[in-house]
């Protein structure tokens, strides 16, 4: 992995995508360790976590995580999720944060040397290309180890550096035994 100590970087974390990826790999992310990992390697200006939340719920299982992130060095960007029932009668949540993430990357890229995106969503390929034209390097963190891979091939080919999430497990992972259960439908987002 290449990062330079004096490089100005920011982390852009697609929360639902990273959660799904780590879960498919059977480990959880320790966000305190994740921050420290990147702070040691570069001049990290910002770490932004994007997620949609159910607006009308009295309690959301991810609220403790969101609150912890907010108080511990992350900027948290949320928007209301929409609940619907699919054709098989299952409760689903729609809460795509791609536009919010893309706008922030474009705005902040003027002040950055290196953008780090935690998502494998192929929709970000054009964003990566645009940021690279501005002179920024772009790294994507996702995985090829699942079947199917969680990172789109076109995105992986476009970036300057791809980091396999499994290679970070020892640095930023937390044992699954420490996991607090989250209902399966909490992160069952459409458009991931």
Foldseek 3Di string as FASTA:
>chain_A
DDAAAAFEEEEQEAQLQLQVQCVLVQWAFQVLLVVVVVNVRYPYDAYEYEDEAAPPDPDAPCVVVQVVQVVRGHHYHYHHWDWDADPVRDIAIAGDCVVVSLVVCVVCLVVGQEYEYEFQQPVCLVSLVVSVVVNHAYEYEGAPPGVNGRHDPSNCVRHPYYHYNVVCCVRTTDHSVPDDDHDPRSSRYPPD
